[in-house]
Amino acid sequence: MPALNFIQSIFEHPLVSRVRRNHGLEHATLHMLAQRFPRTSFAGHSDVGGFWILGDATTEEIQLAVNEALARLQQGERSLAVHHNCGTNLAAASILAGLAGGLAMASAGKRWRDKLERLPLAISLASFALMAAQPIGMLLQRQVTTSGFPGGLQITGIRATKRGGWRAHRITTRG
């Protein structure tokens, strides 16, 4: 159990906790925006000071989405903190597919022909890994990279800007 206590202490560290809670609020905000603007693409990125929302929405629309997201998380809708398009899912897919491909090639001979003969196995294992990655990525979000418990998280500001040609909003938080 000492390892579990150590891991729990990392999650409870103030900086890690803030990033996880901001990440959860970012996802909840993206869910609210997707409901309001079903044909518009949005993206986000979280850090210790808040999060970014990229996409075509006004500051007022972002404010409404952030406020609703925070209220719904505070009311117990923890599932809003998990999002199917999260980078955690992409990272899980990349890591698992890479490991599967590497495993398939691990005992291949030195000749190119030996490696080519292993290619169907590598593709099959990588495909299975990609299928497993979605639920694993969602689990990682729920347990590691996000938190659906906002605690005392408060929105302190929303500022419109541009990032790489995209309309963006910086949402700052405290707590």
N, C-alpha and C. Protein backbone atom coordinates (compact mmCIF):
# COMPACT_ATOMS: atom_id res chain seq x y z
N MET A 1 0.78 -1.21 0.00
CA MET A 1 0.00 0.00 0.00
C MET A 1 0.83 1.28 0.00
N PRO A 2 2.12 1.23 0.37
CA PRO A 2 2.89 2.48 0.34
C PRO A 2 2.93 3.12 -1.05
N ALA A 3 2.96 2.30 -2.10
CA ALA A 3 2.99 2.85 -3.47
C ALA A 3 1.69 3.59 -3.77
N LEU A 4 0.54 3.03 -3.34
CA LEU A 4 -0.74 3.70 -3.55
C LEU A 4 -0.82 5.01 -2.78
N ASN A 5 -0.28 5.01 -1.56
CA ASN A 5 -0.26 6.25 -0.77
C ASN A 5 0.60 7.31 -1.45
N PHE A 6 1.72 6.88 -2.02
CA PHE A 6 2.60 7.81 -2.73
C PHE A 6 1.89 8.41 -3.94
N ILE A 7 1.22 7.54 -4.73
CA ILE A 7 0.49 8.01 -5.91
C ILE A 7 -0.62 8.96 -5.49
N GLN A 8 -1.36 8.62 -4.45
CA GLN A 8 -2.43 9.48 -3.96
C GLN A 8 -1.88 10.83 -3.52
N SER A 9 -0.71 10.83 -2.89
CA SER A 9 -0.12 12.10 -2.45
C SER A 9 0.27 12.97 -3.64
N ILE A 10 0.66 12.35 -4.75
CA ILE A 10 0.96 13.12 -5.96
C ILE A 10 -0.31 13.78 -6.48
N PHE A 11 -1.42 13.03 -6.55
CA PHE A 11 -2.68 13.58 -7.04
C PHE A 11 -3.20 14.70 -6.14
N GLU A 12 -2.88 14.63 -4.86
CA GLU A 12 -3.36 15.64 -3.92
C GLU A 12 -2.43 16.84 -3.82
N HIS A 13 -1.26 16.78 -4.45
CA HIS A 13 -0.37 17.94 -4.45
C HIS A 13 -1.12 19.11 -5.06
N PRO A 14 -1.04 20.29 -4.47
CA PRO A 14 -1.84 21.43 -4.94
C PRO A 14 -1.70 21.73 -6.43
N LEU A 15 -0.51 21.67 -6.98
CA LEU A 15 -0.33 21.99 -8.40
C LEU A 15 -0.95 20.92 -9.29
N VAL A 16 -0.74 19.65 -8.94
CA VAL A 16 -1.31 18.55 -9.72
C VAL A 16 -2.83 18.58 -9.62
N SER A 17 -3.34 18.78 -8.43
CA SER A 17 -4.78 18.85 -8.23
C SER A 17 -5.40 19.98 -9.06
N ARG A 18 -4.74 21.13 -9.09
CA ARG A 18 -5.26 22.26 -9.88
C ARG A 18 -5.31 21.93 -11.36
N VAL A 19 -4.26 21.33 -11.88
CA VAL A 19 -4.24 20.98 -13.30
C VAL A 19 -5.35 19.98 -13.60
N ARG A 20 -5.50 18.96 -12.76
CA ARG A 20 -6.55 17.95 -12.97
C ARG A 20 -7.94 18.57 -12.92
N ARG A 21 -8.18 19.48 -11.97
CA ARG A 21 -9.49 20.12 -11.87
C ARG A 21 -9.73 21.08 -13.03
N ASN A 22 -8.70 21.82 -13.43
CA ASN A 22 -8.83 22.69 -14.61
C ASN A 22 -9.11 21.86 -15.86
N HIS A 23 -8.43 20.73 -15.97
CA HIS A 23 -8.63 19.84 -17.12
C HIS A 23 -10.08 19.32 -17.14
N GLY A 24 -10.60 18.94 -15.97
CA GLY A 24 -11.98 18.51 -15.88
C GLY A 24 -12.96 19.62 -16.27
N LEU A 25 -12.69 20.84 -15.80
CA LEU A 25 -13.55 21.97 -16.16
C LEU A 25 -13.43 22.30 -17.65
N GLU A 26 -12.25 22.17 -18.20
CA GLU A 26 -12.06 22.38 -19.65
C GLU A 26 -12.95 21.39 -20.42
N HIS A 27 -12.90 20.12 -20.05
CA HIS A 27 -13.72 19.12 -20.74
C HIS A 27 -15.20 19.41 -20.58
N ALA A 28 -15.62 19.75 -19.37
CA ALA A 28 -17.03 20.07 -19.15
C ALA A 28 -17.45 21.26 -20.00
N THR A 29 -16.58 22.25 -20.13
CA THR A 29 -16.87 23.42 -20.97
C THR A 29 -17.00 22.99 -22.44
N LEU A 30 -16.11 22.11 -22.88
CA LEU A 30 -16.19 21.61 -24.26
C LEU A 30 -17.51 20.87 -24.50
N HIS A 31 -17.97 20.12 -23.51
CA HIS A 31 -19.27 19.45 -23.63
C HIS A 31 -20.40 20.48 -23.78
N MET A 32 -20.36 21.55 -22.99
CA MET A 32 -21.40 22.58 -23.07
C MET A 32 -21.37 23.26 -24.44
N LEU A 33 -20.18 23.55 -24.93
CA LEU A 33 -20.05 24.20 -26.24
C LEU A 33 -20.54 23.27 -27.35
N ALA A 34 -20.25 21.99 -27.24
CA ALA A 34 -20.70 21.03 -28.27
C ALA A 34 -22.23 20.96 -28.30
N GLN A 35 -22.87 21.09 -27.16
CA GLN A 35 -24.33 21.09 -27.13
C GLN A 35 -24.89 22.34 -27.80
N ARG A 36 -24.25 23.47 -27.57
CA ARG A 36 -24.74 24.74 -28.12
C ARG A 36 -24.39 24.92 -29.59
N PHE A 37 -23.23 24.40 -29.98
CA PHE A 37 -22.71 24.58 -31.34
C PHE A 37 -22.30 23.23 -31.92
N PRO A 38 -23.26 22.40 -32.29
CA PRO A 38 -22.94 21.03 -32.70
C PRO A 38 -22.10 20.93 -33.98
N ARG A 39 -22.07 21.95 -34.79
CA ARG A 39 -21.31 21.89 -36.05
C ARG A 39 -19.99 22.66 -35.98
N THR A 40 -19.61 23.08 -34.78
CA THR A 40 -18.39 23.86 -34.61
C THR A 40 -17.36 23.03 -33.86
N SER A 41 -16.11 23.10 -34.33
CA SER A 41 -15.02 22.37 -33.66
C SER A 41 -14.39 23.26 -32.58
N PHE A 42 -14.13 22.65 -31.45
CA PHE A 42 -13.45 23.33 -30.35
C PHE A 42 -12.32 22.44 -29.86
N ALA A 43 -11.32 23.06 -29.26
CA ALA A 43 -10.22 22.33 -28.64
C ALA A 43 -9.86 23.05 -27.35
N GLY A 44 -9.12 22.37 -26.50
CA GLY A 44 -8.73 22.98 -25.24
C GLY A 44 -7.37 22.49 -24.78
N HIS A 45 -6.84 23.22 -23.81
CA HIS A 45 -5.56 22.87 -23.21
C HIS A 45 -5.55 23.44 -21.79
N SER A 46 -5.20 22.61 -20.82
CA SER A 46 -5.23 23.02 -19.42
C SER A 46 -3.84 23.13 -18.83
N ASP A 47 -3.74 23.96 -17.80
CA ASP A 47 -2.51 24.10 -17.03
C ASP A 47 -2.88 24.51 -15.61
N VAL A 48 -1.91 24.82 -14.81
CA VAL A 48 -2.16 25.12 -13.41
C VAL A 48 -2.95 26.42 -13.22
N GLY A 49 -2.84 27.35 -14.16
CA GLY A 49 -3.51 28.64 -14.02
C GLY A 49 -4.89 28.72 -14.64
N GLY A 50 -5.31 27.66 -15.32
CA GLY A 50 -6.62 27.67 -15.98
C GLY A 50 -6.60 26.80 -17.22
N PHE A 51 -7.24 27.31 -18.27
CA PHE A 51 -7.24 26.54 -19.51
C PHE A 51 -7.57 27.46 -20.68
N TRP A 52 -7.29 26.93 -21.87
CA TRP A 52 -7.57 27.60 -23.13
C TRP A 52 -8.72 26.88 -23.82
N ILE A 53 -9.58 27.65 -24.47
CA ILE A 53 -10.58 27.09 -25.38
C ILE A 53 -10.32 27.73 -26.74
N LEU A 54 -10.11 26.91 -27.75
CA LEU A 54 -9.92 27.37 -29.11
C LEU A 54 -11.15 27.03 -29.92
N GLY A 55 -11.67 28.00 -30.66
CA GLY A 55 -12.84 27.75 -31.48
C GLY A 55 -13.64 29.03 -31.66
N ASP A 56 -14.54 28.99 -32.61
CA ASP A 56 -15.29 30.17 -33.01
C ASP A 56 -16.51 30.38 -32.11
N ALA A 57 -16.30 31.11 -31.02
CA ALA A 57 -17.38 31.49 -30.10
C ALA A 57 -17.02 32.83 -29.49
N THR A 58 -18.03 33.59 -29.13
CA THR A 58 -17.78 34.89 -28.50
C THR A 58 -17.38 34.69 -27.04
N THR A 59 -16.84 35.73 -26.47
CA THR A 59 -16.47 35.68 -25.05
C THR A 59 -17.71 35.42 -24.20
N GLU A 60 -18.83 36.01 -24.55
CA GLU A 60 -20.07 35.81 -23.79
C GLU A 60 -20.51 34.35 -23.87
N GLU A 61 -20.39 33.73 -25.05
CA GLU A 61 -20.76 32.32 -25.21
C GLU A 61 -19.83 31.41 -24.40
N ILE A 62 -18.55 31.74 -24.39
CA ILE A 62 -17.59 30.99 -23.60
C ILE A 62 -17.92 31.14 -22.11
N GLN A 63 -18.22 32.36 -21.69
CA GLN A 63 -18.55 32.62 -20.28
C GLN A 63 -19.75 31.78 -19.84
N LEU A 64 -20.79 31.75 -20.67
CA LEU A 64 -21.97 30.95 -20.35
C LEU A 64 -21.62 29.46 -20.23
N ALA A 65 -20.82 28.98 -21.16
CA ALA A 65 -20.44 27.56 -21.17
C ALA A 65 -19.60 27.22 -19.94
N VAL A 66 -18.64 28.08 -19.60
CA VAL A 66 -17.77 27.83 -18.44
C VAL A 66 -18.60 27.85 -17.15
N ASN A 67 -19.47 28.83 -17.02
CA ASN A 67 -20.29 28.92 -15.81
C ASN A 67 -21.21 27.70 -15.65
N GLU A 68 -21.84 27.28 -16.76
CA GLU A 68 -22.70 26.10 -16.69
C GLU A 68 -21.89 24.85 -16.39
N ALA A 69 -20.72 24.73 -17.01
CA ALA A 69 -19.86 23.57 -16.77
C ALA A 69 -19.47 23.47 -15.30
N LEU A 70 -19.04 24.58 -14.73
CA LEU A 70 -18.63 24.57 -13.32
C LEU A 70 -19.82 24.24 -12.42
N ALA A 71 -20.95 24.83 -12.69
CA ALA A 71 -22.15 24.55 -11.88
C ALA A 71 -22.54 23.08 -11.95
N ARG A 72 -22.49 22.51 -13.12
CA ARG A 72 -22.89 21.11 -13.27
C ARG A 72 -21.88 20.16 -12.61
N LEU A 73 -20.59 20.49 -12.70
CA LEU A 73 -19.60 19.69 -11.98
C LEU A 73 -19.83 19.78 -10.47
N GLN A 74 -20.11 21.00 -9.98
CA GLN A 74 -20.36 21.18 -8.55
C GLN A 74 -21.62 20.45 -8.10
N GLN A 75 -22.56 20.24 -9.01
CA GLN A 75 -23.79 19.50 -8.70
C GLN A 75 -23.61 17.99 -8.82
N GLY A 76 -22.40 17.55 -9.17
CA GLY A 76 -22.12 16.13 -9.17
C GLY A 76 -22.06 15.44 -10.52
N GLU A 77 -22.12 16.17 -11.62
CA GLU A 77 -22.05 15.55 -12.96
C GLU A 77 -20.59 15.29 -13.32
N ARG A 78 -19.98 14.34 -12.62
CA ARG A 78 -18.55 14.04 -12.78
C ARG A 78 -18.18 13.57 -14.18
N SER A 79 -19.12 12.95 -14.87
CA SER A 79 -18.82 12.42 -16.21
C SER A 79 -18.47 13.52 -17.20
N LEU A 80 -18.85 14.75 -16.92
CA LEU A 80 -18.51 15.87 -17.82
C LEU A 80 -17.00 16.13 -17.86
N ALA A 81 -16.26 15.64 -16.87
CA ALA A 81 -14.81 15.85 -16.83
C ALA A 81 -14.05 14.95 -17.79
N VAL A 82 -14.75 13.99 -18.40
CA VAL A 82 -14.11 13.05 -19.33
C VAL A 82 -14.62 13.36 -20.73
N HIS A 83 -13.70 13.43 -21.69
CA HIS A 83 -14.07 13.79 -23.07
C HIS A 83 -13.43 12.81 -24.05
N HIS A 84 -14.22 12.34 -25.01
CA HIS A 84 -13.72 11.33 -25.95
C HIS A 84 -12.61 11.84 -26.87
N ASN A 85 -12.48 13.15 -27.04
CA ASN A 85 -11.42 13.69 -27.90
C ASN A 85 -10.22 14.19 -27.12
N CYS A 86 -10.07 13.76 -25.89
CA CYS A 86 -8.95 14.22 -25.05
C CYS A 86 -7.62 13.68 -25.58
N GLY A 87 -6.58 14.47 -25.39
CA GLY A 87 -5.24 14.05 -25.77
C GLY A 87 -4.78 12.81 -25.01
N THR A 88 -5.35 12.56 -23.83
CA THR A 88 -5.03 11.34 -23.09
C THR A 88 -5.38 10.11 -23.92
N ASN A 89 -6.52 10.16 -24.62
CA ASN A 89 -6.90 9.03 -25.48
C ASN A 89 -5.91 8.86 -26.62
N LEU A 90 -5.49 9.96 -27.21
CA LEU A 90 -4.51 9.90 -28.30
C LEU A 90 -3.18 9.35 -27.79
N ALA A 91 -2.75 9.80 -26.62
CA ALA A 91 -1.50 9.30 -26.05
C ALA A 91 -1.59 7.80 -25.76
N ALA A 92 -2.72 7.37 -25.18
CA ALA A 92 -2.90 5.94 -24.90
C ALA A 92 -2.85 5.14 -26.19
N ALA A 93 -3.52 5.62 -27.23
CA ALA A 93 -3.53 4.92 -28.52
C ALA A 93 -2.12 4.84 -29.10
N SER A 94 -1.40 5.93 -29.06
CA SER A 94 -0.04 5.96 -29.62
C SER A 94 0.89 5.01 -28.88
N ILE A 95 0.84 5.06 -27.57
CA ILE A 95 1.72 4.21 -26.77
C ILE A 95 1.39 2.73 -26.98
N LEU A 96 0.11 2.38 -26.90
CA LEU A 96 -0.27 0.97 -27.05
C LEU A 96 0.02 0.45 -28.46
N ALA A 97 -0.28 1.24 -29.49
CA ALA A 97 -0.01 0.79 -30.86
C ALA A 97 1.49 0.66 -31.11
N GLY A 98 2.26 1.60 -30.58
CA GLY A 98 3.71 1.52 -30.73
C GLY A 98 4.28 0.30 -30.04
N LEU A 99 3.81 0.04 -28.82
CA LEU A 99 4.27 -1.16 -28.10
C LEU A 99 3.87 -2.43 -28.82
N ALA A 100 2.65 -2.47 -29.34
CA ALA A 100 2.18 -3.66 -30.07
C ALA A 100 3.03 -3.90 -31.31
N GLY A 101 3.30 -2.84 -32.06
CA GLY A 101 4.14 -2.98 -33.25
C GLY A 101 5.56 -3.41 -32.90
N GLY A 102 6.09 -2.83 -31.83
CA GLY A 102 7.43 -3.21 -31.37
C GLY A 102 7.49 -4.66 -30.92
N LEU A 103 6.44 -5.10 -30.22
CA LEU A 103 6.37 -6.49 -29.77
C LEU A 103 6.35 -7.44 -30.96
N ALA A 104 5.59 -7.10 -31.98
CA ALA A 104 5.51 -7.95 -33.17
C ALA A 104 6.86 -8.06 -33.86
N MET A 105 7.64 -7.01 -33.82
CA MET A 105 8.93 -7.00 -34.52
C MET A 105 10.10 -7.42 -33.65
N ALA A 106 9.84 -7.65 -32.36
CA ALA A 106 10.93 -7.91 -31.42
C ALA A 106 11.81 -9.10 -31.82
N SER A 107 11.22 -10.17 -32.29
CA SER A 107 12.04 -11.34 -32.61
C SER A 107 12.17 -11.56 -34.11
N ALA A 108 11.85 -10.55 -34.89
CA ALA A 108 12.02 -10.66 -36.34
C ALA A 108 13.52 -10.72 -36.64
N GLY A 109 13.84 -11.38 -37.71
CA GLY A 109 15.25 -11.51 -38.10
C GLY A 109 15.83 -10.16 -38.53
N LYS A 110 17.08 -10.20 -38.97
CA LYS A 110 17.77 -8.97 -39.35
C LYS A 110 17.49 -8.57 -40.80
N ARG A 111 17.03 -9.52 -41.60
CA ARG A 111 16.78 -9.21 -43.01
C ARG A 111 15.46 -8.46 -43.16
N TRP A 112 15.37 -7.63 -44.20
CA TRP A 112 14.13 -6.90 -44.50
C TRP A 112 12.97 -7.86 -44.75
N ARG A 113 13.28 -8.97 -45.39
CA ARG A 113 12.23 -9.96 -45.68
C ARG A 113 11.63 -10.50 -44.39
N ASP A 114 12.46 -10.73 -43.37
CA ASP A 114 11.96 -11.21 -42.07
C ASP A 114 11.01 -10.17 -41.46
N LYS A 115 11.37 -8.93 -41.58
CA LYS A 115 10.53 -7.87 -41.03
C LYS A 115 9.22 -7.74 -41.81
N LEU A 116 9.30 -7.84 -43.14
CA LEU A 116 8.09 -7.76 -43.96
C LEU A 116 7.14 -8.91 -43.66
N GLU A 117 7.69 -10.10 -43.37
CA GLU A 117 6.84 -11.23 -43.02
C GLU A 117 6.10 -11.00 -41.70
N ARG A 118 6.66 -10.18 -40.83
CA ARG A 118 6.03 -9.86 -39.54
C ARG A 118 5.05 -8.70 -39.63
N LEU A 119 5.02 -8.00 -40.76
CA LEU A 119 4.18 -6.82 -40.89
C LEU A 119 2.69 -7.10 -40.64
N PRO A 120 2.11 -8.17 -41.19
CA PRO A 120 0.69 -8.43 -40.89
C PRO A 120 0.43 -8.61 -39.39
N LEU A 121 1.34 -9.26 -38.69
CA LEU A 121 1.19 -9.43 -37.24
C LEU A 121 1.27 -8.07 -36.55
N ALA A 122 2.21 -7.24 -36.97
CA ALA A 122 2.36 -5.91 -36.36
C ALA A 122 1.10 -5.07 -36.58
N ILE A 123 0.55 -5.13 -37.78
CA ILE A 123 -0.67 -4.38 -38.09
C ILE A 123 -1.84 -4.90 -37.26
N SER A 124 -1.96 -6.21 -37.15
CA SER A 124 -3.05 -6.80 -36.36
C SER A 124 -2.94 -6.42 -34.89
N LEU A 125 -1.75 -6.55 -34.31
CA LEU A 125 -1.58 -6.20 -32.90
C LEU A 125 -1.81 -4.71 -32.67
N ALA A 126 -1.33 -3.87 -33.59
CA ALA A 126 -1.56 -2.43 -33.45
C ALA A 126 -3.05 -2.10 -33.55
N SER A 127 -3.76 -2.80 -34.42
CA SER A 127 -5.22 -2.59 -34.55
C SER A 127 -5.93 -2.96 -33.26
N PHE A 128 -5.59 -4.09 -32.67
CA PHE A 128 -6.18 -4.49 -31.39
C PHE A 128 -5.84 -3.48 -30.30
N ALA A 129 -4.61 -2.99 -30.33
CA ALA A 129 -4.19 -1.99 -29.33
C ALA A 129 -5.02 -0.70 -29.48
N LEU A 130 -5.28 -0.30 -30.72
CA LEU A 130 -6.08 0.90 -30.94
C LEU A 130 -7.51 0.72 -30.45
N MET A 131 -8.06 -0.48 -30.59
CA MET A 131 -9.41 -0.75 -30.09
C MET A 131 -9.43 -0.70 -28.56
N ALA A 132 -8.38 -1.19 -27.93
CA ALA A 132 -8.31 -1.18 -26.47
C ALA A 132 -8.01 0.21 -25.93
N ALA A 133 -7.42 1.05 -26.75
CA ALA A 133 -6.96 2.35 -26.28
C ALA A 133 -8.10 3.28 -25.86
N GLN A 134 -9.22 3.25 -26.54
CA GLN A 134 -10.32 4.17 -26.20
C GLN A 134 -10.79 3.97 -24.76
N PRO A 135 -11.18 2.77 -24.37
CA PRO A 135 -11.60 2.61 -22.97
C PRO A 135 -10.46 2.84 -21.97
N ILE A 136 -9.24 2.50 -22.35
CA ILE A 136 -8.11 2.73 -21.46
C ILE A 136 -7.86 4.23 -21.31
N GLY A 137 -7.94 4.97 -22.42
CA GLY A 137 -7.78 6.42 -22.36
C GLY A 137 -8.85 7.08 -21.49
N MET A 138 -10.09 6.61 -21.62
CA MET A 138 -11.17 7.16 -20.79
C MET A 138 -10.92 6.84 -19.31
N LEU A 139 -10.45 5.63 -19.02
CA LEU A 139 -10.13 5.26 -17.65
C LEU A 139 -8.99 6.13 -17.11
N LEU A 140 -7.96 6.34 -17.92
CA LEU A 140 -6.86 7.21 -17.50
C LEU A 140 -7.34 8.63 -17.21
N GLN A 141 -8.27 9.12 -18.02
CA GLN A 141 -8.82 10.45 -17.74
C GLN A 141 -9.51 10.47 -16.38
N ARG A 142 -10.41 9.49 -16.16
CA ARG A 142 -11.18 9.47 -14.91
C ARG A 142 -10.27 9.33 -13.69
N GLN A 143 -9.20 8.54 -13.82
CA GLN A 143 -8.38 8.22 -12.65
C GLN A 143 -7.13 9.07 -12.51
N VAL A 144 -6.63 9.65 -13.63
CA VAL A 144 -5.32 10.27 -13.58
C VAL A 144 -5.32 11.72 -14.07
N THR A 145 -5.75 11.98 -15.29
CA THR A 145 -5.48 13.29 -15.91
C THR A 145 -6.55 14.34 -15.67
N THR A 146 -7.76 13.95 -15.23
CA THR A 146 -8.80 14.94 -14.95
C THR A 146 -9.41 14.66 -13.59
N SER A 147 -10.13 15.65 -13.09
CA SER A 147 -10.91 15.47 -11.88
C SER A 147 -12.29 16.08 -12.10
N GLY A 148 -13.31 15.33 -11.75
CA GLY A 148 -14.69 15.82 -11.83
C GLY A 148 -15.14 16.46 -10.52
N PHE A 149 -14.21 16.66 -9.61
CA PHE A 149 -14.48 17.29 -8.32
C PHE A 149 -13.81 18.66 -8.31
N PRO A 150 -14.54 19.72 -8.70
CA PRO A 150 -13.90 21.03 -8.80
C PRO A 150 -13.49 21.64 -7.47
N GLY A 151 -14.04 21.14 -6.36
CA GLY A 151 -13.68 21.71 -5.06
C GLY A 151 -13.97 23.20 -5.04
N GLY A 152 -13.00 23.97 -4.59
CA GLY A 152 -13.16 25.43 -4.50
C GLY A 152 -12.73 26.17 -5.75
N LEU A 153 -12.65 25.48 -6.88
CA LEU A 153 -12.21 26.12 -8.11
C LEU A 153 -13.14 27.27 -8.49
N GLN A 154 -12.57 28.41 -8.81
CA GLN A 154 -13.33 29.59 -9.20
C GLN A 154 -12.76 30.16 -10.49
N ILE A 155 -13.63 30.70 -11.33
CA ILE A 155 -13.20 31.37 -12.56
C ILE A 155 -12.86 32.80 -12.19
N THR A 156 -11.65 33.22 -12.52
CA THR A 156 -11.23 34.59 -12.19
C THR A 156 -11.18 35.51 -13.40
N GLY A 157 -11.24 34.94 -14.60
CA GLY A 157 -11.23 35.78 -15.78
C GLY A 157 -11.34 34.99 -17.06
N ILE A 158 -11.83 35.68 -18.08
CA ILE A 158 -11.89 35.12 -19.43
C ILE A 158 -11.43 36.21 -20.38
N ARG A 159 -10.42 35.90 -21.18
CA ARG A 159 -9.83 36.88 -22.08
C ARG A 159 -9.76 36.31 -23.49
N ALA A 160 -10.28 37.07 -24.44
CA ALA A 160 -10.24 36.66 -25.85
C ALA A 160 -8.88 37.02 -26.45
N THR A 161 -8.40 36.15 -27.34
CA THR A 161 -7.12 36.38 -28.01
C THR A 161 -7.09 35.53 -29.28
N LYS A 162 -5.96 35.50 -29.94
CA LYS A 162 -5.73 34.62 -31.10
C LYS A 162 -4.54 33.74 -30.79
N ARG A 163 -4.64 32.49 -31.20
CA ARG A 163 -3.52 31.55 -31.06
C ARG A 163 -3.34 30.83 -32.38
N GLY A 164 -2.25 31.13 -33.06
CA GLY A 164 -1.97 30.47 -34.32
C GLY A 164 -3.07 30.65 -35.35
N GLY A 165 -3.70 31.81 -35.39
CA GLY A 165 -4.76 32.07 -36.34
C GLY A 165 -6.14 31.62 -35.87
N TRP A 166 -6.21 30.95 -34.72
CA TRP A 166 -7.47 30.49 -34.16
C TRP A 166 -8.00 31.53 -33.17
N ARG A 167 -9.30 31.67 -33.13
CA ARG A 167 -9.92 32.45 -32.06
C ARG A 167 -9.77 31.63 -30.78
N ALA A 168 -9.30 32.27 -29.73
CA ALA A 168 -9.03 31.55 -28.49
C ALA A 168 -9.49 32.37 -27.29
N HIS A 169 -9.75 31.66 -26.21
CA HIS A 169 -10.09 32.30 -24.95
C HIS A 169 -9.26 31.67 -23.85
N ARG A 170 -8.67 32.52 -23.03
CA ARG A 170 -7.91 32.07 -21.86
C ARG A 170 -8.84 32.21 -20.65
N ILE A 171 -9.10 31.10 -20.00
CA ILE A 171 -9.92 31.09 -18.80
C ILE A 171 -8.97 30.89 -17.64
N THR A 172 -8.92 31.85 -16.72
CA THR A 172 -8.06 31.73 -15.55
C THR A 172 -8.89 31.32 -14.35
N THR A 173 -8.25 30.55 -13.46
CA THR A 173 -8.95 30.02 -12.29
C THR A 173 -8.09 30.21 -11.04
N ARG A 174 -8.73 30.04 -9.89
CA ARG A 174 -8.01 29.95 -8.62
C ARG A 174 -8.75 28.94 -7.76
N GLY A 175 -8.07 28.54 -6.71
CA GLY A 175 -8.70 27.60 -5.78
C GLY A 175 -8.17 26.24 -5.95
